[in-house]
Amino acid sequence: MVFGKQVRISRITRDGRMLCVPMDHGITNGPMPGLVDPAEAIRRVSEGGATSVLAHKGIVKALPTPPPTGIIIHLSANTSLGPSSTRKVLVGSVEEAMRLGADAVSVHINIGSKEEPEMLEQLGAVSDSCDELQMPLIAMMYPRGENVKDPSSPEVVAHVARVGAEAGADIVKTVYTGDRESFRSVVRGCPCPVVLAGGPRLDDDTALLRTAFDAVQAGAMGVTFGRNVFQHSDPTLVVRALHRVVIEGRDVREGLEVLRRGKK
């Protein structure tokens, strides 16, 4: 028997893998390069083969036409102008996301910050609503705050990912530990699928594809790369290369070949 969450997860993945492009950065940083025109950014990554895009409700409302890819509506927010860089509050609901036609929702939780308790409370409440309405929940679980000395520590990342799963997430998004074997321990310790966060902006396509390849080889469901896609010189082309590695399961060399041919 197929249930609502399974149907919706199939819309944000392909062949059980996820290649998501988060575009929720505008509420934090304003109209940053690559996201000045969100509709165009979504068109470009959809053309490249992204399985889903992630954005705030206002961006989805403003789209001229429904995007040809899965839609994840982000419910958490703060701004770079506000009093705390780690405190996320809810600015939307699961019910509203359903009215907008979303295939999933996401929340951002910073574990290790002084605001951790209220964010965990938000995660639990959203998880309950998602279960009731059969809406998939992606928990963005970040080791970030005053009590985190090494945010890439495999033990810390594994703990952070586990928190998301135990609080009821259907998919956990978290940071890279730096190598395939240590990230494998994160995936192994998380009862729900794990996807890799994109991290800081890279100018090295080989490093980007290598990170994606290693994460998938470690057992990750896929990747959620934002800045490294929408700020790329050719977002469509880099998504095609990532599709080759993440969705098709090819190696880094074949992903680089996609980029090489596209730049001719």
C-alpha atoms as a PDB file:
ATOM      1  CA  MET A   1       0.000   0.000   0.000  1.00  0.00           C
ATOM      2  CA  VAL A   2       1.316   3.444  -0.971  1.00  0.00           C
ATOM      3  CA  PHE A   3       0.892   6.345   1.457  1.00  0.00           C
ATOM      4  CA  GLY A   4       1.006  10.104   0.948  1.00  0.00           C
ATOM      5  CA  LYS A   5       4.577  10.592   2.116  1.00  0.00           C
ATOM      6  CA  GLN A   6       5.831   7.960  -0.320  1.00  0.00           C
ATOM      7  CA  VAL A   7       3.999   9.624  -3.197  1.00  0.00           C
ATOM      8  CA  ARG A   8       5.431  13.029  -2.344  1.00  0.00           C
ATOM      9  CA  ILE A   9       8.968  11.767  -1.759  1.00  0.00           C
ATOM     10  CA  SER A  10       8.855  10.223  -5.225  1.00  0.00           C
ATOM     11  CA  ARG A  11       8.263  13.744  -6.593  1.00  0.00           C
ATOM     12  CA  ILE A  12      11.402  15.211  -4.994  1.00  0.00           C
ATOM     13  CA  THR A  13      13.678  12.286  -5.868  1.00  0.00           C
ATOM     14  CA  ARG A  14      14.508  10.153  -8.878  1.00  0.00           C
ATOM     15  CA  ASP A  15      15.305   6.462  -8.652  1.00  0.00           C
ATOM     16  CA  GLY A  16      15.528   6.879  -4.893  1.00  0.00           C
ATOM     17  CA  ARG A  17      18.159   9.632  -5.119  1.00  0.00           C
ATOM     18  CA  MET A  18      17.882  13.349  -4.417  1.00  0.00           C
ATOM     19  CA  LEU A  19      19.555  16.220  -6.255  1.00  0.00           C
ATOM     20  CA  CYS A  20      18.036  19.252  -4.578  1.00  0.00           C
ATOM     21  CA  VAL A  21      18.996  22.903  -5.067  1.00  0.00           C
ATOM     22  CA  PRO A  22      18.154  24.999  -1.985  1.00  0.00           C
ATOM     23  CA  MET A  23      17.246  28.608  -2.784  1.00  0.00           C
ATOM     24  CA  ASP A  24      16.153  29.805   0.642  1.00  0.00           C
ATOM     25  CA  HIS A  25      19.130  32.158   1.012  1.00  0.00           C
ATOM     26  CA  GLY A  26      17.312  35.354   0.003  1.00  0.00           C
ATOM     27  CA  ILE A  27      15.486  35.772   3.297  1.00  0.00           C
ATOM     28  CA  THR A  28      18.811  35.611   5.133  1.00  0.00           C
ATOM     29  CA  ASN A  29      21.066  37.579   2.798  1.00  0.00           C
ATOM     30  CA  GLY A  30      18.771  39.447   0.412  1.00  0.00           C
ATOM     31  CA  PRO A  31      18.839  39.216  -3.409  1.00  0.00           C
ATOM     32  CA  MET A  32      22.289  37.638  -3.617  1.00  0.00           C
ATOM     33  CA  PRO A  33      24.050  36.785  -6.915  1.00  0.00           C
ATOM     34  CA  GLY A  34      22.356  33.875  -8.627  1.00  0.00           C
ATOM     35  CA  LEU A  35      19.024  34.471  -6.880  1.00  0.00           C
ATOM     36  CA  VAL A  36      18.113  37.968  -8.048  1.00  0.00           C
ATOM     37  CA  ASP A  37      15.572  36.292 -10.344  1.00  0.00           C
ATOM     38  CA  PRO A  38      14.421  33.134  -8.516  1.00  0.00           C
ATOM     39  CA  ALA A  39      12.131  31.978 -11.325  1.00  0.00           C
ATOM     40  CA  GLU A  40      15.043  32.029 -13.779  1.00  0.00           C
ATOM     41  CA  ALA A  41      17.293  30.241 -11.287  1.00  0.00           C
ATOM     42  CA  ILE A  42      14.679  27.517 -10.859  1.00  0.00           C
ATOM     43  CA  ARG A  43      14.285  27.217 -14.630  1.00  0.00           C
ATOM     44  CA  ARG A  44      18.019  26.718 -15.080  1.00  0.00           C
ATOM     45  CA  VAL A  45      18.458  23.997 -12.480  1.00  0.00           C
ATOM     46  CA  SER A  46      15.271  22.236 -13.572  1.00  0.00           C
ATOM     47  CA  GLU A  47      16.614  22.142 -17.114  1.00  0.00           C
ATOM     48  CA  GLY A  48      19.771  20.496 -15.803  1.00  0.00           C
ATOM     49  CA  GLY A  49      17.865  17.706 -14.067  1.00  0.00           C
ATOM     50  CA  ALA A  50      17.465  18.789 -10.437  1.00  0.00           C
ATOM     51  CA  THR A  51      14.969  16.524  -8.708  1.00  0.00           C
ATOM     52  CA  SER A  52      13.742  19.342  -6.468  1.00  0.00           C
ATOM     53  CA  VAL A  53      14.206  22.935  -5.420  1.00  0.00           C
ATOM     54  CA  LEU A  54      13.826  24.320  -1.910  1.00  0.00           C
ATOM     55  CA  ALA A  55      12.500  27.825  -1.332  1.00  0.00           C
ATOM     56  CA  HIS A  56      10.371  29.957   0.948  1.00  0.00           C
ATOM     57  CA  LYS A  57       6.636  30.247   0.392  1.00  0.00           C
ATOM     58  CA  GLY A  58       6.810  33.743  -1.087  1.00  0.00           C
ATOM     59  CA  ILE A  59       9.085  32.573  -3.893  1.00  0.00           C
ATOM     60  CA  VAL A  60       6.727  29.737  -4.763  1.00  0.00           C
ATOM     61  CA  LYS A  61       3.742  32.134  -4.732  1.00  0.00           C
ATOM     62  CA  ALA A  62       5.555  34.519  -7.095  1.00  0.00           C
ATOM     63  CA  LEU A  63       6.450  31.915  -9.744  1.00  0.00           C
ATOM     64  CA  PRO A  64       4.767  32.635 -13.098  1.00  0.00           C
ATOM     65  CA  THR A  65       4.135  28.925 -13.725  1.00  0.00           C
ATOM     66  CA  PRO A  66       4.526  25.713 -11.699  1.00  0.00           C
ATOM     67  CA  PRO A  67       8.145  24.487 -11.842  1.00  0.00           C
ATOM     68  CA  PRO A  68       8.894  21.211 -13.643  1.00  0.00           C
ATOM     69  CA  THR A  69      10.563  19.792 -10.544  1.00  0.00           C
ATOM     70  CA  GLY A  70       9.689  18.853  -6.976  1.00  0.00           C
ATOM     71  CA  ILE A  71       8.933  21.696  -4.554  1.00  0.00           C
ATOM     72  CA  ILE A  72      10.160  21.808  -0.963  1.00  0.00           C
ATOM     73  CA  ILE A  73       8.956  24.775   1.079  1.00  0.00           C
ATOM     74  CA  HIS A  74      11.279  25.913   3.835  1.00  0.00           C
ATOM     75  CA  LEU A  75       9.565  26.870   7.074  1.00  0.00           C
ATOM     76  CA  SER A  76      12.508  28.311   9.057  1.00  0.00           C
ATOM     77  CA  ALA A  77      14.073  31.747   8.810  1.00  0.00           C
ATOM     78  CA  ASN A  78      16.294  34.408  10.252  1.00  0.00           C
ATOM     79  CA  THR A  79      18.208  37.297   8.685  1.00  0.00           C
ATOM     80  CA  SER A  80      21.805  38.490   8.665  1.00  0.00           C
ATOM     81  CA  LEU A  81      20.507  41.796  10.055  1.00  0.00           C
ATOM     82  CA  GLY A  82      18.914  40.226  13.129  1.00  0.00           C
ATOM     83  CA  PRO A  83      20.178  39.745  16.689  1.00  0.00           C
ATOM     84  CA  SER A  84      21.246  36.088  16.399  1.00  0.00           C
ATOM     85  CA  SER A  85      22.806  34.205  13.497  1.00  0.00           C
ATOM     86  CA  THR A  86      21.835  30.804  14.921  1.00  0.00           C
ATOM     87  CA  ARG A  87      18.234  31.367  16.014  1.00  0.00           C
ATOM     88  CA  LYS A  88      15.697  30.087  13.475  1.00  0.00           C
ATOM     89  CA  VAL A  89      11.969  30.731  13.837  1.00  0.00           C
ATOM     90  CA  LEU A  90       9.007  29.307  11.944  1.00  0.00           C
ATOM     91  CA  VAL A  91       7.588  31.564   9.216  1.00  0.00           C
ATOM     92  CA  GLY A  92       5.208  29.049   7.645  1.00  0.00           C
ATOM     93  CA  SER A  93       3.179  25.959   8.357  1.00  0.00           C
ATOM     94  CA  VAL A  94       2.707  22.498   6.911  1.00  0.00           C
ATOM     95  CA  GLU A  95      -0.912  23.340   6.089  1.00  0.00           C
ATOM     96  CA  GLU A  96       0.140  26.411   4.104  1.00  0.00           C
ATOM     97  CA  ALA A  97       2.759  24.400   2.226  1.00  0.00           C
ATOM     98  CA  MET A  98       0.068  21.912   1.245  1.00  0.00           C
ATOM     99  CA  ARG A  99      -2.168  24.712  -0.039  1.00  0.00           C
ATOM    100  CA  LEU A 100       0.721  25.908  -2.211  1.00  0.00           C
ATOM    101  CA  GLY A 101       1.189  22.442  -3.705  1.00  0.00           C
ATOM    102  CA  ALA A 102       4.466  21.586  -1.972  1.00  0.00           C
ATOM    103  CA  ASP A 103       5.827  18.054  -2.141  1.00  0.00           C
ATOM    104  CA  ALA A 104       7.741  18.406   1.159  1.00  0.00           C
ATOM    105  CA  VAL A 105       8.702  20.906   3.842  1.00  0.00           C
ATOM    106  CA  SER A 106      11.976  21.593   5.611  1.00  0.00           C
ATOM    107  CA  VAL A 107      13.116  23.124   8.887  1.00  0.00           C
ATOM    108  CA  HIS A 108      16.561  24.287   9.977  1.00  0.00           C
ATOM    109  CA  ILE A 109      17.899  23.313  13.417  1.00  0.00           C
ATOM    110  CA  ASN A 110      21.209  24.512  14.877  1.00  0.00           C
ATOM    111  CA  ILE A 111      22.379  21.995  17.473  1.00  0.00           C
ATOM    112  CA  GLY A 112      24.792  23.415  20.024  1.00  0.00           C
ATOM    113  CA  SER A 113      23.441  26.955  20.062  1.00  0.00           C
ATOM    114  CA  LYS A 114      21.758  28.598  23.025  1.00  0.00           C
ATOM    115  CA  GLU A 115      18.516  28.620  21.032  1.00  0.00           C
ATOM    116  CA  GLU A 116      18.637  24.854  20.480  1.00  0.00           C
ATOM    117  CA  PRO A 117      15.722  24.014  22.846  1.00  0.00           C
ATOM    118  CA  GLU A 118      13.156  26.184  21.075  1.00  0.00           C
ATOM    119  CA  MET A 119      14.293  24.931  17.659  1.00  0.00           C
ATOM    120  CA  LEU A 120      13.966  21.313  18.805  1.00  0.00           C
ATOM    121  CA  GLU A 121      10.466  22.130  20.006  1.00  0.00           C
ATOM    122  CA  GLN A 122       9.686  23.501  16.540  1.00  0.00           C
ATOM    123  CA  LEU A 123      11.092  20.364  14.912  1.00  0.00           C
ATOM    124  CA  GLY A 124       8.914  18.108  17.045  1.00  0.00           C
ATOM    125  CA  ALA A 125       5.766  20.120  16.365  1.00  0.00           C
ATOM    126  CA  VAL A 126       6.363  20.269  12.598  1.00  0.00           C
ATOM    127  CA  SER A 127       7.105  16.542  12.571  1.00  0.00           C
ATOM    128  CA  ASP A 128       3.741  15.825  14.201  1.00  0.00           C
ATOM    129  CA  SER A 129       1.929  17.980  11.642  1.00  0.00           C
ATOM    130  CA  CYS A 130       3.789  16.282   8.798  1.00  0.00           C
ATOM    131  CA  ASP A 131       2.773  12.844  10.056  1.00  0.00           C
ATOM    132  CA  GLU A 132      -0.848  13.916  10.361  1.00  0.00           C
ATOM    133  CA  LEU A 133      -0.942  15.362   6.834  1.00  0.00           C
ATOM    134  CA  GLN A 134       1.439  12.856   5.221  1.00  0.00           C
ATOM    135  CA  MET A 135       3.888  15.590   4.208  1.00  0.00           C
ATOM    136  CA  PRO A 136       7.589  14.599   4.051  1.00  0.00           C
ATOM    137  CA  LEU A 137       9.856  16.496   6.420  1.00  0.00           C
ATOM    138  CA  ILE A 138      13.477  17.337   5.652  1.00  0.00           C
ATOM    139  CA  ALA A 139      15.365  18.384   8.801  1.00  0.00           C
ATOM    140  CA  MET A 140      18.425  20.539   8.129  1.00  0.00           C
ATOM    141  CA  MET A 141      20.578  19.518  11.066  1.00  0.00           C
ATOM    142  CA  TYR A 142      23.632  21.711  11.603  1.00  0.00           C
ATOM    143  CA  PRO A 143      26.287  21.558  14.360  1.00  0.00           C
ATOM    144  CA  ARG A 144      26.432  25.294  14.893  1.00  0.00           C
ATOM    145  CA  GLY A 145      26.655  27.380  18.024  1.00  0.00           C
ATOM    146  CA  GLU A 146      28.540  28.198  21.191  1.00  0.00           C
ATOM    147  CA  ASN A 147      28.945  24.581  22.306  1.00  0.00           C
ATOM    148  CA  VAL A 148      30.327  23.244  19.011  1.00  0.00           C
ATOM    149  CA  LYS A 149      34.108  23.289  18.867  1.00  0.00           C
ATOM    150  CA  ASP A 150      34.541  21.244  15.660  1.00  0.00           C
ATOM    151  CA  PRO A 151      31.497  21.320  13.341  1.00  0.00           C
ATOM    152  CA  SER A 152      32.974  18.667  11.039  1.00  0.00           C
ATOM    153  CA  SER A 153      33.764  16.151  13.778  1.00  0.00           C
ATOM    154  CA  PRO A 154      32.278  12.781  12.715  1.00  0.00           C
ATOM    155  CA  GLU A 155      31.007  12.168  16.252  1.00  0.00           C
ATOM    156  CA  VAL A 156      29.339  15.568  16.419  1.00  0.00           C
ATOM    157  CA  VAL A 157      27.804  15.326  12.937  1.00  0.00           C
ATOM    158  CA  ALA A 158      26.542  11.798  13.667  1.00  0.00           C
ATOM    159  CA  HIS A 159      24.911  13.050  16.876  1.00  0.00           C
ATOM    160  CA  VAL A 160      23.317  16.011  15.101  1.00  0.00           C
ATOM    161  CA  ALA A 161      21.948  13.811  12.301  1.00  0.00           C
ATOM    162  CA  ARG A 162      20.600  11.318  14.829  1.00  0.00           C
ATOM    163  CA  VAL A 163      18.709  14.104  16.624  1.00  0.00           C
ATOM    164  CA  GLY A 164      16.849  14.905  13.410  1.00  0.00           C
ATOM    165  CA  ALA A 165      15.871  11.291  12.838  1.00  0.00           C
ATOM    166  CA  GLU A 166      14.801  10.732  16.430  1.00  0.00           C
ATOM    167  CA  ALA A 167      12.644  13.873  16.358  1.00  0.00           C
ATOM    168  CA  GLY A 168      10.725  12.456  13.392  1.00  0.00           C
ATOM    169  CA  ALA A 169      12.347  13.712  10.182  1.00  0.00           C
ATOM    170  CA  ASP A 170      11.866  11.656   7.031  1.00  0.00           C
ATOM    171  CA  ILE A 171      15.154  12.894   5.530  1.00  0.00           C
ATOM    172  CA  VAL A 172      18.070  14.513   7.340  1.00  0.00           C
ATOM    173  CA  LYS A 173      20.307  17.060   5.668  1.00  0.00           C
ATOM    174  CA  THR A 174      23.656  17.603   7.358  1.00  0.00           C
ATOM    175  CA  VAL A 175      27.232  18.728   6.801  1.00  0.00           C
ATOM    176  CA  TYR A 176      30.180  16.801   5.437  1.00  0.00           C
ATOM    177  CA  THR A 177      32.774  15.310   7.765  1.00  0.00           C
ATOM    178  CA  GLY A 178      35.543  15.648   5.186  1.00  0.00           C
ATOM    179  CA  ASP A 179      35.963  12.107   3.917  1.00  0.00           C
ATOM    180  CA  ARG A 180      33.929   9.146   2.728  1.00  0.00           C
ATOM    181  CA  GLU A 181      34.592   6.737   5.596  1.00  0.00           C
ATOM    182  CA  SER A 182      33.767   9.129   8.412  1.00  0.00           C
ATOM    183  CA  PHE A 183      30.614  10.247   6.610  1.00  0.00           C
ATOM    184  CA  ARG A 184      29.658   6.597   6.244  1.00  0.00           C
ATOM    185  CA  SER A 185      29.512   6.418  10.045  1.00  0.00           C
ATOM    186  CA  VAL A 186      27.084   9.369  10.047  1.00  0.00           C
ATOM    187  CA  VAL A 187      24.797   7.635   7.549  1.00  0.00           C
ATOM    188  CA  ARG A 188      25.032   4.323   9.412  1.00  0.00           C
ATOM    189  CA  GLY A 189      23.981   5.951  12.686  1.00  0.00           C
ATOM    190  CA  CYS A 190      20.959   7.753  11.235  1.00  0.00           C
ATOM    191  CA  PRO A 191      17.715   5.710  11.023  1.00  0.00           C
ATOM    192  CA  CYS A 192      16.361   7.814   8.114  1.00  0.00           C
ATOM    193  CA  PRO A 193      17.968   8.753   4.768  1.00  0.00           C
ATOM    194  CA  VAL A 194      20.734  11.365   4.829  1.00  0.00           C
ATOM    195  CA  VAL A 195      21.475  14.013   2.208  1.00  0.00           C
ATOM    196  CA  LEU A 196      24.584  16.157   2.118  1.00  0.00           C
ATOM    197  CA  ALA A 197      24.525  19.932   2.605  1.00  0.00           C
ATOM    198  CA  GLY A 198      26.492  22.008   0.117  1.00  0.00           C
ATOM    199  CA  GLY A 199      28.655  24.015   2.469  1.00  0.00           C
ATOM    200  CA  PRO A 200      30.671  27.097   1.444  1.00  0.00           C
ATOM    201  CA  ARG A 201      31.118  28.249  -2.135  1.00  0.00           C
ATOM    202  CA  LEU A 202      33.738  26.272  -4.081  1.00  0.00           C
ATOM    203  CA  ASP A 203      35.492  27.335  -7.292  1.00  0.00           C
ATOM    204  CA  ASP A 204      36.666  23.805  -8.037  1.00  0.00           C
ATOM    205  CA  ASP A 205      34.246  21.638 -10.033  1.00  0.00           C
ATOM    206  CA  THR A 206      36.353  18.553  -9.427  1.00  0.00           C
ATOM    207  CA  ALA A 207      36.157  19.009  -5.649  1.00  0.00           C
ATOM    208  CA  LEU A 208      32.401  19.579  -5.860  1.00  0.00           C
ATOM    209  CA  LEU A 209      31.781  16.416  -7.866  1.00  0.00           C
ATOM    210  CA  ARG A 210      34.193  14.424  -5.709  1.00  0.00           C
ATOM    211  CA  THR A 211      32.335  15.456  -2.554  1.00  0.00           C
ATOM    212  CA  ALA A 212      28.993  14.464  -4.095  1.00  0.00           C
ATOM    213  CA  PHE A 213      30.405  11.144  -5.322  1.00  0.00           C
ATOM    214  CA  ASP A 214      31.958  10.284  -1.959  1.00  0.00           C
ATOM    215  CA  ALA A 215      28.765  11.151  -0.083  1.00  0.00           C
ATOM    216  CA  VAL A 216      26.683   8.854  -2.277  1.00  0.00           C
ATOM    217  CA  GLN A 217      29.295   6.111  -2.014  1.00  0.00           C
ATOM    218  CA  ALA A 218      29.093   6.503   1.767  1.00  0.00           C
ATOM    219  CA  GLY A 219      25.373   5.750   1.587  1.00  0.00           C
ATOM    220  CA  ALA A 220      23.823   9.203   1.323  1.00  0.00           C
ATOM    221  CA  MET A 221      20.510   9.529  -0.510  1.00  0.00           C
ATOM    222  CA  GLY A 222      21.904  12.466  -2.433  1.00  0.00           C
ATOM    223  CA  VAL A 223      22.960  16.092  -2.144  1.00  0.00           C
ATOM    224  CA  THR A 224      21.414  19.494  -1.545  1.00  0.00           C
ATOM    225  CA  PHE A 225      23.793  22.006  -3.142  1.00  0.00           C
ATOM    226  CA  GLY A 226      22.784  25.683  -3.203  1.00  0.00           C
ATOM    227  CA  ARG A 227      25.471  28.329  -3.751  1.00  0.00           C
ATOM    228  CA  ASN A 228      27.681  25.886  -5.606  1.00  0.00           C
ATOM    229  CA  VAL A 229      24.901  25.487  -8.161  1.00  0.00           C
ATOM    230  CA  PHE A 230      22.959  28.750  -8.495  1.00  0.00           C
ATOM    231  CA  GLN A 231      26.165  30.855  -8.301  1.00  0.00           C
ATOM    232  CA  HIS A 232      28.011  28.630 -10.765  1.00  0.00           C
ATOM    233  CA  SER A 233      28.930  30.179 -14.117  1.00  0.00           C
ATOM    234  CA  ASP A 234      26.550  27.656 -15.740  1.00  0.00           C
ATOM    235  CA  PRO A 235      23.974  26.314 -13.232  1.00  0.00           C
ATOM    236  CA  THR A 236      22.292  24.088 -15.814  1.00  0.00           C
ATOM    237  CA  LEU A 237      25.553  22.452 -16.819  1.00  0.00           C
ATOM    238  CA  VAL A 238      26.804  21.815 -13.279  1.00  0.00           C
ATOM    239  CA  VAL A 239      23.452  20.221 -12.384  1.00  0.00           C
ATOM    240  CA  ARG A 240      23.810  17.935 -15.405  1.00  0.00           C
ATOM    241  CA  ALA A 241      27.250  16.916 -14.154  1.00  0.00           C
ATOM    242  CA  LEU A 242      25.928  16.318 -10.638  1.00  0.00           C
ATOM    243  CA  HIS A 243      23.034  14.325 -12.090  1.00  0.00           C
ATOM    244  CA  ARG A 244      25.538  12.041 -13.771  1.00  0.00           C
ATOM    245  CA  VAL A 245      27.272  11.387 -10.437  1.00  0.00           C
ATOM    246  CA  VAL A 246      24.374  11.463  -7.941  1.00  0.00           C
ATOM    247  CA  ILE A 247      21.405  10.072  -9.867  1.00  0.00           C
ATOM    248  CA  GLU A 248      23.105   7.915 -12.482  1.00  0.00           C
ATOM    249  CA  GLY A 249      25.840   6.676 -10.158  1.00  0.00           C
ATOM    250  CA  ARG A 250      28.708   7.467 -12.531  1.00  0.00           C
ATOM    251  CA  ASP A 251      32.190   8.432 -11.383  1.00  0.00           C
ATOM    252  CA  VAL A 252      33.726  11.890 -11.081  1.00  0.00           C
ATOM    253  CA  ARG A 253      35.533  11.589 -14.404  1.00  0.00           C
ATOM    254  CA  GLU A 254      32.237  11.163 -16.239  1.00  0.00           C
ATOM    255  CA  GLY A 255      30.746  14.140 -14.435  1.00  0.00           C
ATOM    256  CA  LEU A 256      33.715  16.277 -15.460  1.00  0.00           C
ATOM    257  CA  GLU A 257      33.261  15.094 -19.037  1.00  0.00           C
ATOM    258  CA  VAL A 258      29.746  16.557 -19.010  1.00  0.00           C
ATOM    259  CA  LEU A 259      31.227  19.912 -17.981  1.00  0.00           C
ATOM    260  CA  ARG A 260      33.991  19.708 -20.552  1.00  0.00           C
ATOM    261  CA  ARG A 261      31.648  18.953 -23.430  1.00  0.00           C
ATOM    262  CA  GLY A 262      29.204  21.646 -22.358  1.00  0.00           C
ATOM    263  CA  LYS A 263      31.868  24.330 -22.318  1.00  0.00           C
ATOM    264  CA  LYS A 264      32.974  23.714 -25.911  1.00  0.00           C
END
